[in-house]
PDB file of all heavy atoms in Angstrom:
ATOM      1  N   GLY A   1      -2.998  -1.038 -10.105  1.00  0.00           N
ATOM      2  CA  GLY A   1      -2.623   0.103  -9.420  1.00  0.00           C
ATOM      3  C   GLY A   1      -3.601   0.376  -8.232  1.00  0.00           C
ATOM      4  O   GLY A   1      -4.694  -0.210  -8.178  1.00  0.00           O
ATOM      5  N   LEU A   2      -3.030   1.031  -7.236  1.00  0.00           N
ATOM      6  CA  LEU A   2      -3.786   1.533  -6.042  1.00  0.00           C
ATOM      7  C   LEU A   2      -3.589   3.063  -5.807  1.00  0.00           C
ATOM      8  O   LEU A   2      -2.556   3.451  -6.012  1.00  0.00           O
ATOM      9  CB  LEU A   2      -3.317   0.786  -4.777  1.00  0.00           C
ATOM     10  CG  LEU A   2      -3.447  -0.699  -4.632  1.00  0.00           C
ATOM     11  CD1 LEU A   2      -2.629  -1.146  -3.521  1.00  0.00           C
ATOM     12  CD2 LEU A   2      -4.879  -1.134  -4.579  1.00  0.00           C
ATOM     13  N   GLN A   3      -4.639   3.598  -5.461  1.00  0.00           N
ATOM     14  CA  GLN A   3      -4.528   4.991  -5.028  1.00  0.00           C
ATOM     15  C   GLN A   3      -5.299   5.143  -3.671  1.00  0.00           C
ATOM     16  O   GLN A   3      -6.590   4.857  -3.652  1.00  0.00           O
ATOM     17  CB  GLN A   3      -5.218   5.977  -6.127  1.00  0.00           C
ATOM     18  CG  GLN A   3      -5.029   7.289  -5.579  1.00  0.00           C
ATOM     19  CD  GLN A   3      -5.780   8.375  -6.649  1.00  0.00           C
ATOM     20  OE1 GLN A   3      -6.618   7.953  -7.440  1.00  0.00           O
ATOM     21  NE2 GLN A   3      -5.357   9.525  -6.631  1.00  0.00           N
ATOM     22  N   LEU A   4      -4.682   5.611  -2.670  1.00  0.00           N
ATOM     23  CA  LEU A   4      -5.322   5.734  -1.423  1.00  0.00           C
ATOM     24  C   LEU A   4      -5.084   7.220  -0.915  1.00  0.00           C
ATOM     25  O   LEU A   4      -4.011   7.805  -0.951  1.00  0.00           O
ATOM     26  CB  LEU A   4      -4.541   4.938  -0.357  1.00  0.00           C
ATOM     27  CG  LEU A   4      -4.615   3.419  -0.403  1.00  0.00           C
ATOM     28  CD1 LEU A   4      -3.803   2.818  -1.515  1.00  0.00           C
ATOM     29  CD2 LEU A   4      -4.147   2.788   0.886  1.00  0.00           C
ATOM     30  N   ILE A   5      -6.213   7.833  -0.519  1.00  0.00           N
ATOM     31  CA  ILE A   5      -6.301   9.164   0.001  1.00  0.00           C
ATOM     32  C   ILE A   5      -6.852   9.130   1.354  1.00  0.00           C
ATOM     33  O   ILE A   5      -7.922   8.618   1.602  1.00  0.00           O
ATOM     34  CB  ILE A   5      -7.039  10.039  -0.924  1.00  0.00           C
ATOM     35  CG1 ILE A   5      -6.404  10.119  -2.316  1.00  0.00           C
ATOM     36  CG2 ILE A   5      -7.277  11.499  -0.336  1.00  0.00           C
ATOM     37  CD1 ILE A   5      -7.346  10.806  -3.306  1.00  0.00           C
ATOM     38  N   ASN A   6      -6.136   9.656   2.413  1.00  0.00           N
ATOM     39  CA  ASN A   6      -6.572   9.631   3.742  1.00  0.00           C
ATOM     40  C   ASN A   6      -7.005   8.348   4.350  1.00  0.00           C
ATOM     41  O   ASN A   6      -7.915   8.266   5.138  1.00  0.00           O
ATOM     42  CB  ASN A   6      -7.623  10.665   4.007  1.00  0.00           C
ATOM     43  CG  ASN A   6      -7.222  12.027   3.680  1.00  0.00           C
ATOM     44  OD1 ASN A   6      -6.018  12.417   3.736  1.00  0.00           O
ATOM     45  ND2 ASN A   6      -8.054  12.846   3.067  1.00  0.00           N
ATOM     46  N   PHE A   7      -6.346   7.221   3.823  1.00  0.00           N
ATOM     47  CA  PHE A   7      -6.762   5.950   4.282  1.00  0.00           C
ATOM     48  C   PHE A   7      -5.774   5.374   5.275  1.00  0.00           C
ATOM     49  O   PHE A   7      -4.570   5.135   4.868  1.00  0.00           O
ATOM     50  CB  PHE A   7      -6.807   4.939   3.051  1.00  0.00           C
ATOM     51  CG  PHE A   7      -7.315   3.659   3.287  1.00  0.00           C
ATOM     52  CD1 PHE A   7      -8.721   3.552   3.375  1.00  0.00           C
ATOM     53  CD2 PHE A   7      -6.607   2.609   3.562  1.00  0.00           C
ATOM     54  CE1 PHE A   7      -9.307   2.270   3.638  1.00  0.00           C
ATOM     55  CE2 PHE A   7      -7.064   1.324   3.781  1.00  0.00           C
ATOM     56  CZ  PHE A   7      -8.538   1.182   3.777  1.00  0.00           C
ATOM     57  N   PHE A   8      -6.200   5.306   6.465  1.00  0.00           N
ATOM     58  CA  PHE A   8      -5.200   4.977   7.644  1.00  0.00           C
ATOM     59  C   PHE A   8      -3.942   5.764   7.657  1.00  0.00           C
ATOM     60  O   PHE A   8      -4.212   7.029   7.584  1.00  0.00           O
ATOM     61  CB  PHE A   8      -4.696   3.417   7.586  1.00  0.00           C
ATOM     62  CG  PHE A   8      -5.967   2.518   8.038  1.00  0.00           C
ATOM     63  CD1 PHE A   8      -6.309   1.590   7.167  1.00  0.00           C
ATOM     64  CD2 PHE A   8      -6.444   2.675   9.263  1.00  0.00           C
ATOM     65  CE1 PHE A   8      -7.399   0.700   7.588  1.00  0.00           C
ATOM     66  CE2 PHE A   8      -7.535   1.722   9.641  1.00  0.00           C
ATOM     67  CZ  PHE A   8      -7.875   0.763   8.890  1.00  0.00           C
ATOM     68  N   SER A   9      -2.838   5.267   7.502  1.00  0.00           N
ATOM     69  CA  SER A   9      -1.601   6.044   7.465  1.00  0.00           C
ATOM     70  C   SER A   9      -1.185   6.647   6.084  1.00  0.00           C
ATOM     71  O   SER A   9      -0.333   7.552   5.868  1.00  0.00           O
ATOM     72  CB  SER A   9      -0.343   5.354   7.968  1.00  0.00           C
ATOM     73  OG  SER A   9      -0.129   4.302   7.174  1.00  0.00           O
ATOM     74  N   HIS A  10      -1.971   6.333   5.113  1.00  0.00           N
ATOM     75  CA  HIS A  10      -1.733   6.783   3.718  1.00  0.00           C
ATOM     76  C   HIS A  10      -2.582   8.072   3.397  1.00  0.00           C
ATOM     77  O   HIS A  10      -3.648   7.998   3.115  1.00  0.00           O
ATOM     78  CB  HIS A  10      -2.074   5.602   2.715  1.00  0.00           C
ATOM     79  CG  HIS A  10      -1.337   4.340   2.899  1.00  0.00           C
ATOM     80  ND1 HIS A  10      -0.121   4.164   2.298  1.00  0.00           N
ATOM     81  CD2 HIS A  10      -1.572   3.348   3.613  1.00  0.00           C
ATOM     82  CE1 HIS A  10       0.348   3.038   2.748  1.00  0.00           C
ATOM     83  NE2 HIS A  10      -0.542   2.466   3.504  1.00  0.00           N
ATOM     84  N   ARG A  11      -1.772   9.212   3.414  1.00  0.00           N
ATOM     85  CA  ARG A  11      -2.460  10.453   3.145  1.00  0.00           C
ATOM     86  C   ARG A  11      -2.648  10.634   1.561  1.00  0.00           C
ATOM     87  O   ARG A  11      -3.703  11.039   1.144  1.00  0.00           O
ATOM     88  CB  ARG A  11      -1.527  11.608   3.604  1.00  0.00           C
ATOM     89  CG  ARG A  11      -1.499  11.700   5.071  1.00  0.00           C
ATOM     90  CD  ARG A  11      -2.832  11.896   5.688  1.00  0.00           C
ATOM     91  NE  ARG A  11      -2.696  11.753   7.174  1.00  0.00           N
ATOM     92  CZ  ARG A  11      -3.108  12.755   8.090  1.00  0.00           C
ATOM     93  NH1 ARG A  11      -3.645  13.829   7.602  1.00  0.00           N
ATOM     94  NH2 ARG A  11      -2.967  12.518   9.249  1.00  0.00           N
ATOM     95  N   ASN A  12      -1.681  10.293   0.779  1.00  0.00           N
ATOM     96  CA  ASN A  12      -1.766  10.276  -0.628  1.00  0.00           C
ATOM     97  C   ASN A  12      -0.700   9.283  -1.295  1.00  0.00           C
ATOM     98  O   ASN A  12       0.360   9.637  -1.554  1.00  0.00           O
ATOM     99  CB  ASN A  12      -1.530  11.706  -1.237  1.00  0.00           C
ATOM    100  CG  ASN A  12      -1.922  11.893  -2.668  1.00  0.00           C
ATOM    101  OD1 ASN A  12      -2.325  10.857  -3.230  1.00  0.00           O
ATOM    102  ND2 ASN A  12      -1.667  12.947  -3.228  1.00  0.00           N
ATOM    103  N   THR A  13      -1.299   8.085  -1.414  1.00  0.00           N
ATOM    104  CA  THR A  13      -0.317   6.959  -1.764  1.00  0.00           C
ATOM    105  C   THR A  13      -0.818   6.518  -3.164  1.00  0.00           C
ATOM    106  O   THR A  13      -1.991   6.092  -3.452  1.00  0.00           O
ATOM    107  CB  THR A  13      -0.230   5.802  -0.762  1.00  0.00           C
ATOM    108  OG1 THR A  13       0.136   6.322   0.444  1.00  0.00           O
ATOM    109  CG2 THR A  13       0.665   4.674  -1.282  1.00  0.00           C
ATOM    110  N   ASN A  14       0.086   6.447  -4.176  1.00  0.00           N
ATOM    111  CA  ASN A  14      -0.182   5.853  -5.484  1.00  0.00           C
ATOM    112  C   ASN A  14       0.868   4.822  -5.858  1.00  0.00           C
ATOM    113  O   ASN A  14       2.065   5.038  -5.686  1.00  0.00           O
ATOM    114  CB  ASN A  14      -0.115   7.086  -6.581  1.00  0.00           C
ATOM    115  CG  ASN A  14      -1.198   8.006  -6.521  1.00  0.00           C
ATOM    116  OD1 ASN A  14      -2.401   7.674  -6.701  1.00  0.00           O
ATOM    117  ND2 ASN A  14      -0.752   9.198  -6.108  1.00  0.00           N
ATOM    118  N   ILE A  15       0.286   3.602  -6.107  1.00  0.00           N
ATOM    119  CA  ILE A  15       1.157   2.484  -6.481  1.00  0.00           C
ATOM    120  C   ILE A  15       0.717   1.985  -7.883  1.00  0.00           C
ATOM    121  O   ILE A  15      -0.437   1.614  -8.059  1.00  0.00           O
ATOM    122  CB  ILE A  15       1.010   1.377  -5.379  1.00  0.00           C
ATOM    123  CG1 ILE A  15       1.454   1.971  -4.072  1.00  0.00           C
ATOM    124  CG2 ILE A  15       1.758   0.185  -5.754  1.00  0.00           C
ATOM    125  CD1 ILE A  15       1.172   0.955  -2.948  1.00  0.00           C
ATOM    126  N   SER A  16       1.767   1.781  -8.705  1.00  0.00           N
ATOM    127  CA  SER A  16       1.558   1.240 -10.026  1.00  0.00           C
ATOM    128  C   SER A  16       2.178  -0.138 -10.111  1.00  0.00           C
ATOM    129  O   SER A  16       3.279  -0.214  -9.737  1.00  0.00           O
ATOM    130  CB  SER A  16       2.071   2.164 -11.138  1.00  0.00           C
ATOM    131  OG  SER A  16       1.878   1.520 -12.406  1.00  0.00           O
ATOM    132  N   LEU A  17       1.480  -1.148 -10.451  1.00  0.00           N
ATOM    133  CA  LEU A  17       1.959  -2.506 -10.430  1.00  0.00           C
ATOM    134  C   LEU A  17       2.049  -2.939 -11.910  1.00  0.00           C
ATOM    135  O   LEU A  17       1.233  -2.759 -12.664  1.00  0.00           O
ATOM    136  CB  LEU A  17       1.173  -3.475  -9.746  1.00  0.00           C
ATOM    137  CG  LEU A  17       0.837  -3.060  -8.158  1.00  0.00           C
ATOM    138  CD1 LEU A  17      -0.136  -3.967  -7.553  1.00  0.00           C
ATOM    139  CD2 LEU A  17       2.213  -3.125  -7.437  1.00  0.00           C
ATOM    140  N   SER A  18       3.102  -3.680 -12.261  1.00  0.00           N
ATOM    141  CA  SER A  18       3.324  -4.136 -13.715  1.00  0.00           C
ATOM    142  C   SER A  18       2.920  -5.638 -13.868  1.00  0.00           C
ATOM    143  O   SER A  18       3.048  -6.259 -14.913  1.00  0.00           O
ATOM    144  CB  SER A  18       4.719  -3.976 -14.134  1.00  0.00           C
ATOM    145  OG  SER A  18       5.594  -4.550 -13.295  1.00  0.00           O
ATOM    146  N   GLY A  19       2.520  -6.291 -12.824  1.00  0.00           N
ATOM    147  CA  GLY A  19       2.069  -7.675 -12.914  1.00  0.00           C
ATOM    148  C   GLY A  19       3.223  -8.650 -12.242  1.00  0.00           C
ATOM    149  O   GLY A  19       4.286  -8.050 -12.014  1.00  0.00           O
ATOM    150  N   GLY A  20       2.812  -9.804 -12.118  1.00  0.00           N
ATOM    151  CA  GLY A  20       3.793 -10.729 -11.488  1.00  0.00           C
ATOM    152  C   GLY A  20       3.710 -10.707 -10.074  1.00  0.00           C
ATOM    153  O   GLY A  20       2.895 -10.070  -9.387  1.00  0.00           O
ATOM    154  N   LEU A  21       4.656 -11.417  -9.383  1.00  0.00           N
ATOM    155  CA  LEU A  21       4.753 -11.478  -7.990  1.00  0.00           C
ATOM    156  C   LEU A  21       5.155 -10.142  -7.396  1.00  0.00           C
ATOM    157  O   LEU A  21       6.101  -9.506  -7.803  1.00  0.00           O
ATOM    158  CB  LEU A  21       5.673 -12.530  -7.487  1.00  0.00           C
ATOM    159  CG  LEU A  21       5.849 -12.921  -6.051  1.00  0.00           C
ATOM    160  CD1 LEU A  21       4.489 -13.414  -5.598  1.00  0.00           C
ATOM    161  CD2 LEU A  21       6.911 -13.919  -5.853  1.00  0.00           C
ATOM    162  N   VAL A  22       4.424  -9.655  -6.295  1.00  0.00           N
ATOM    163  CA  VAL A  22       4.739  -8.408  -5.621  1.00  0.00           C
ATOM    164  C   VAL A  22       5.139  -8.632  -4.213  1.00  0.00           C
ATOM    165  O   VAL A  22       4.373  -9.467  -3.419  1.00  0.00           O
ATOM    166  CB  VAL A  22       3.596  -7.413  -5.752  1.00  0.00           C
ATOM    167  CG1 VAL A  22       3.824  -6.227  -4.925  1.00  0.00           C
ATOM    168  CG2 VAL A  22       3.216  -7.148  -7.109  1.00  0.00           C
ATOM    169  N   GLY A  23       6.164  -8.027  -3.665  1.00  0.00           N
ATOM    170  CA  GLY A  23       6.526  -8.072  -2.293  1.00  0.00           C
ATOM    171  C   GLY A  23       6.502  -6.666  -1.784  1.00  0.00           C
ATOM    172  O   GLY A  23       6.917  -5.727  -2.407  1.00  0.00           O
ATOM    173  N   VAL A  24       6.003  -6.516  -0.569  1.00  0.00           N
ATOM    174  CA  VAL A  24       5.873  -5.280   0.053  1.00  0.00           C
ATOM    175  C   VAL A  24       6.730  -5.239   1.373  1.00  0.00           C
ATOM    176  O   VAL A  24       6.414  -6.108   2.235  1.00  0.00           O
ATOM    177  CB  VAL A  24       4.466  -4.776   0.309  1.00  0.00           C
ATOM    178  CG1 VAL A  24       4.379  -3.539   1.128  1.00  0.00           C
ATOM    179  CG2 VAL A  24       3.548  -4.755  -0.846  1.00  0.00           C
ATOM    180  N   PHE A  25       7.756  -4.463   1.485  1.00  0.00           N
ATOM    181  CA  PHE A  25       8.656  -4.417   2.611  1.00  0.00           C
ATOM    182  C   PHE A  25       8.663  -3.136   3.301  1.00  0.00           C
ATOM    183  O   PHE A  25       8.510  -2.199   2.630  1.00  0.00           O
ATOM    184  CB  PHE A  25      10.139  -4.794   2.128  1.00  0.00           C
ATOM    185  CG  PHE A  25      10.120  -6.068   1.390  1.00  0.00           C
ATOM    186  CD1 PHE A  25      10.011  -6.130  -0.039  1.00  0.00           C
ATOM    187  CD2 PHE A  25      10.361  -7.219   2.015  1.00  0.00           C
ATOM    188  CE1 PHE A  25      10.148  -7.439  -0.675  1.00  0.00           C
ATOM    189  CE2 PHE A  25      10.409  -8.465   1.386  1.00  0.00           C
ATOM    190  CZ  PHE A  25      10.246  -8.523  -0.025  1.00  0.00           C
ATOM    191  N   GLY A  26       8.776  -3.142   4.531  1.00  0.00           N
ATOM    192  CA  GLY A  26       9.007  -1.998   5.392  1.00  0.00           C
ATOM    193  C   GLY A  26       8.886  -2.242   6.824  1.00  0.00           C
ATOM    194  O   GLY A  26       8.577  -3.377   7.250  1.00  0.00           O
ATOM    195  N   PRO A  27       9.244  -1.247   7.617  1.00  0.00           N
ATOM    196  CA  PRO A  27       9.141  -1.520   9.179  1.00  0.00           C
ATOM    197  C   PRO A  27       7.722  -1.644   9.570  1.00  0.00           C
ATOM    198  O   PRO A  27       6.771  -1.220   9.037  1.00  0.00           O
ATOM    199  CB  PRO A  27       9.789  -0.113   9.692  1.00  0.00           C
ATOM    200  CG  PRO A  27       9.562   0.819   8.669  1.00  0.00           C
ATOM    201  CD  PRO A  27       9.581   0.095   7.300  1.00  0.00           C
ATOM    202  N   ASN A  28       7.610  -2.258  10.841  1.00  0.00           N
ATOM    203  CA  ASN A  28       6.335  -2.419  11.445  1.00  0.00           C
ATOM    204  C   ASN A  28       5.590  -1.101  11.611  1.00  0.00           C
ATOM    205  O   ASN A  28       6.147  -0.052  11.945  1.00  0.00           O
ATOM    206  CB  ASN A  28       6.479  -3.060  12.879  1.00  0.00           C
ATOM    207  CG  ASN A  28       6.854  -4.564  12.804  1.00  0.00           C
ATOM    208  OD1 ASN A  28       6.658  -5.123  11.720  1.00  0.00           O
ATOM    209  ND2 ASN A  28       7.363  -5.041  13.775  1.00  0.00           N
ATOM    210  N   GLY A  29       4.341  -1.019  11.257  1.00  0.00           N
ATOM    211  CA  GLY A  29       3.481   0.153  11.431  1.00  0.00           C
ATOM    212  C   GLY A  29       3.612   1.106  10.211  1.00  0.00           C
ATOM    213  O   GLY A  29       3.061   2.229  10.327  1.00  0.00           O
ATOM    214  N   ALA A  30       4.237   0.725   9.241  1.00  0.00           N
ATOM    215  CA  ALA A  30       4.520   1.571   8.050  1.00  0.00           C
ATOM    216  C   ALA A  30       3.203   1.596   7.113  1.00  0.00           C
ATOM    217  O   ALA A  30       3.152   2.501   6.224  1.00  0.00           O
ATOM    218  CB  ALA A  30       5.719   1.209   7.215  1.00  0.00           C
ATOM    219  N   GLY A  31       2.344   0.745   7.240  1.00  0.00           N
ATOM    220  CA  GLY A  31       1.087   0.736   6.452  1.00  0.00           C
ATOM    221  C   GLY A  31       1.151  -0.344   5.376  1.00  0.00           C
ATOM    222  O   GLY A  31       0.391  -0.268   4.374  1.00  0.00           O
ATOM    223  N   LYS A  32       1.983  -1.295   5.507  1.00  0.00           N
ATOM    224  CA  LYS A  32       2.076  -2.420   4.510  1.00  0.00           C
ATOM    225  C   LYS A  32       0.678  -3.217   4.497  1.00  0.00           C
ATOM    226  O   LYS A  32       0.188  -3.360   3.347  1.00  0.00           O
ATOM    227  CB  LYS A  32       3.201  -3.362   4.760  1.00  0.00           C
ATOM    228  CG  LYS A  32       4.590  -2.731   4.796  1.00  0.00           C
ATOM    229  CD  LYS A  32       5.729  -3.622   5.185  1.00  0.00           C
ATOM    230  CE  LYS A  32       5.501  -4.399   6.449  1.00  0.00           C
ATOM    231  NZ  LYS A  32       5.598  -3.639   7.716  1.00  0.00           N
ATOM    232  N   SER A  33       0.238  -3.673   5.565  1.00  0.00           N
ATOM    233  CA  SER A  33      -0.888  -4.423   5.502  1.00  0.00           C
ATOM    234  C   SER A  33      -2.140  -3.666   5.127  1.00  0.00           C
ATOM    235  O   SER A  33      -3.104  -4.276   4.549  1.00  0.00           O
ATOM    236  CB  SER A  33      -1.180  -5.008   6.989  1.00  0.00           C
ATOM    237  OG  SER A  33      -0.197  -5.867   7.376  1.00  0.00           O
ATOM    238  N   SER A  34      -2.180  -2.385   5.467  1.00  0.00           N
ATOM    239  CA  SER A  34      -3.281  -1.571   4.969  1.00  0.00           C
ATOM    240  C   SER A  34      -3.509  -1.440   3.595  1.00  0.00           C
ATOM    241  O   SER A  34      -4.503  -1.172   2.992  1.00  0.00           O
ATOM    242  CB  SER A  34      -3.245  -0.225   5.759  1.00  0.00           C
ATOM    243  OG  SER A  34      -2.203   0.510   5.313  1.00  0.00           O
ATOM    244  N   LEU A  35      -2.347  -1.727   2.806  1.00  0.00           N
ATOM    245  CA  LEU A  35      -2.358  -1.705   1.297  1.00  0.00           C
ATOM    246  C   LEU A  35      -3.306  -2.934   0.696  1.00  0.00           C
ATOM    247  O   LEU A  35      -4.182  -2.667  -0.071  1.00  0.00           O
ATOM    248  CB  LEU A  35      -1.116  -1.920   0.812  1.00  0.00           C
ATOM    249  CG  LEU A  35      -0.151  -0.595   0.804  1.00  0.00           C
ATOM    250  CD1 LEU A  35       1.156  -0.936   0.216  1.00  0.00           C
ATOM    251  CD2 LEU A  35      -0.750   0.485   0.154  1.00  0.00           C
ATOM    252  N   ILE A  36      -3.128  -4.133   1.309  1.00  0.00           N
ATOM    253  CA  ILE A  36      -3.877  -5.210   0.865  1.00  0.00           C
ATOM    254  C   ILE A  36      -5.013  -5.655   1.738  1.00  0.00           C
ATOM    255  O   ILE A  36      -6.128  -5.679   1.258  1.00  0.00           O
ATOM    256  CB  ILE A  36      -2.911  -6.432   0.369  1.00  0.00           C
ATOM    257  CG1 ILE A  36      -1.865  -6.091  -0.570  1.00  0.00           C
ATOM    258  CG2 ILE A  36      -3.700  -7.600   0.006  1.00  0.00           C
ATOM    259  CD1 ILE A  36      -2.403  -5.787  -1.889  1.00  0.00           C
ATOM    260  N   ALA A  37      -4.621  -5.857   2.975  1.00  0.00           N
ATOM    261  CA  ALA A  37      -5.553  -6.420   3.811  1.00  0.00           C
ATOM    262  C   ALA A  37      -6.821  -5.486   4.105  1.00  0.00           C
ATOM    263  O   ALA A  37      -7.785  -5.967   4.523  1.00  0.00           O
ATOM    264  CB  ALA A  37      -4.939  -6.756   5.160  1.00  0.00           C
ATOM    265  N   ASP A  38      -6.574  -4.201   3.917  1.00  0.00           N
ATOM    266  CA  ASP A  38      -7.579  -3.265   4.187  1.00  0.00           C
ATOM    267  C   ASP A  38      -8.051  -2.461   2.824  1.00  0.00           C
ATOM    268  O   ASP A  38      -9.201  -2.409   2.485  1.00  0.00           O
ATOM    269  CB  ASP A  38      -7.227  -2.301   5.170  1.00  0.00           C
ATOM    270  CG  ASP A  38      -7.034  -2.901   6.577  1.00  0.00           C
ATOM    271  OD1 ASP A  38      -7.855  -3.723   7.026  1.00  0.00           O
ATOM    272  OD2 ASP A  38      -5.992  -2.628   7.170  1.00  0.00           O
ATOM    273  N   ALA A  39      -7.037  -1.832   2.106  1.00  0.00           N
ATOM    274  CA  ALA A  39      -7.365  -0.984   0.998  1.00  0.00           C
ATOM    275  C   ALA A  39      -8.154  -1.846  -0.141  1.00  0.00           C
ATOM    276  O   ALA A  39      -9.150  -1.473  -0.538  1.00  0.00           O
ATOM    277  CB  ALA A  39      -6.147  -0.326   0.479  1.00  0.00           C
TER     278      ALA A  39
END
């Protein structure tokens, strides 16, 4: 899991992962890269 508070565009983001392969999809600038590449 990930919890981001005031991190780039993520004001309060909580993500729970159950394992296995994960794909993150969304429009450009939505904060996808900031989840892994930064957070």
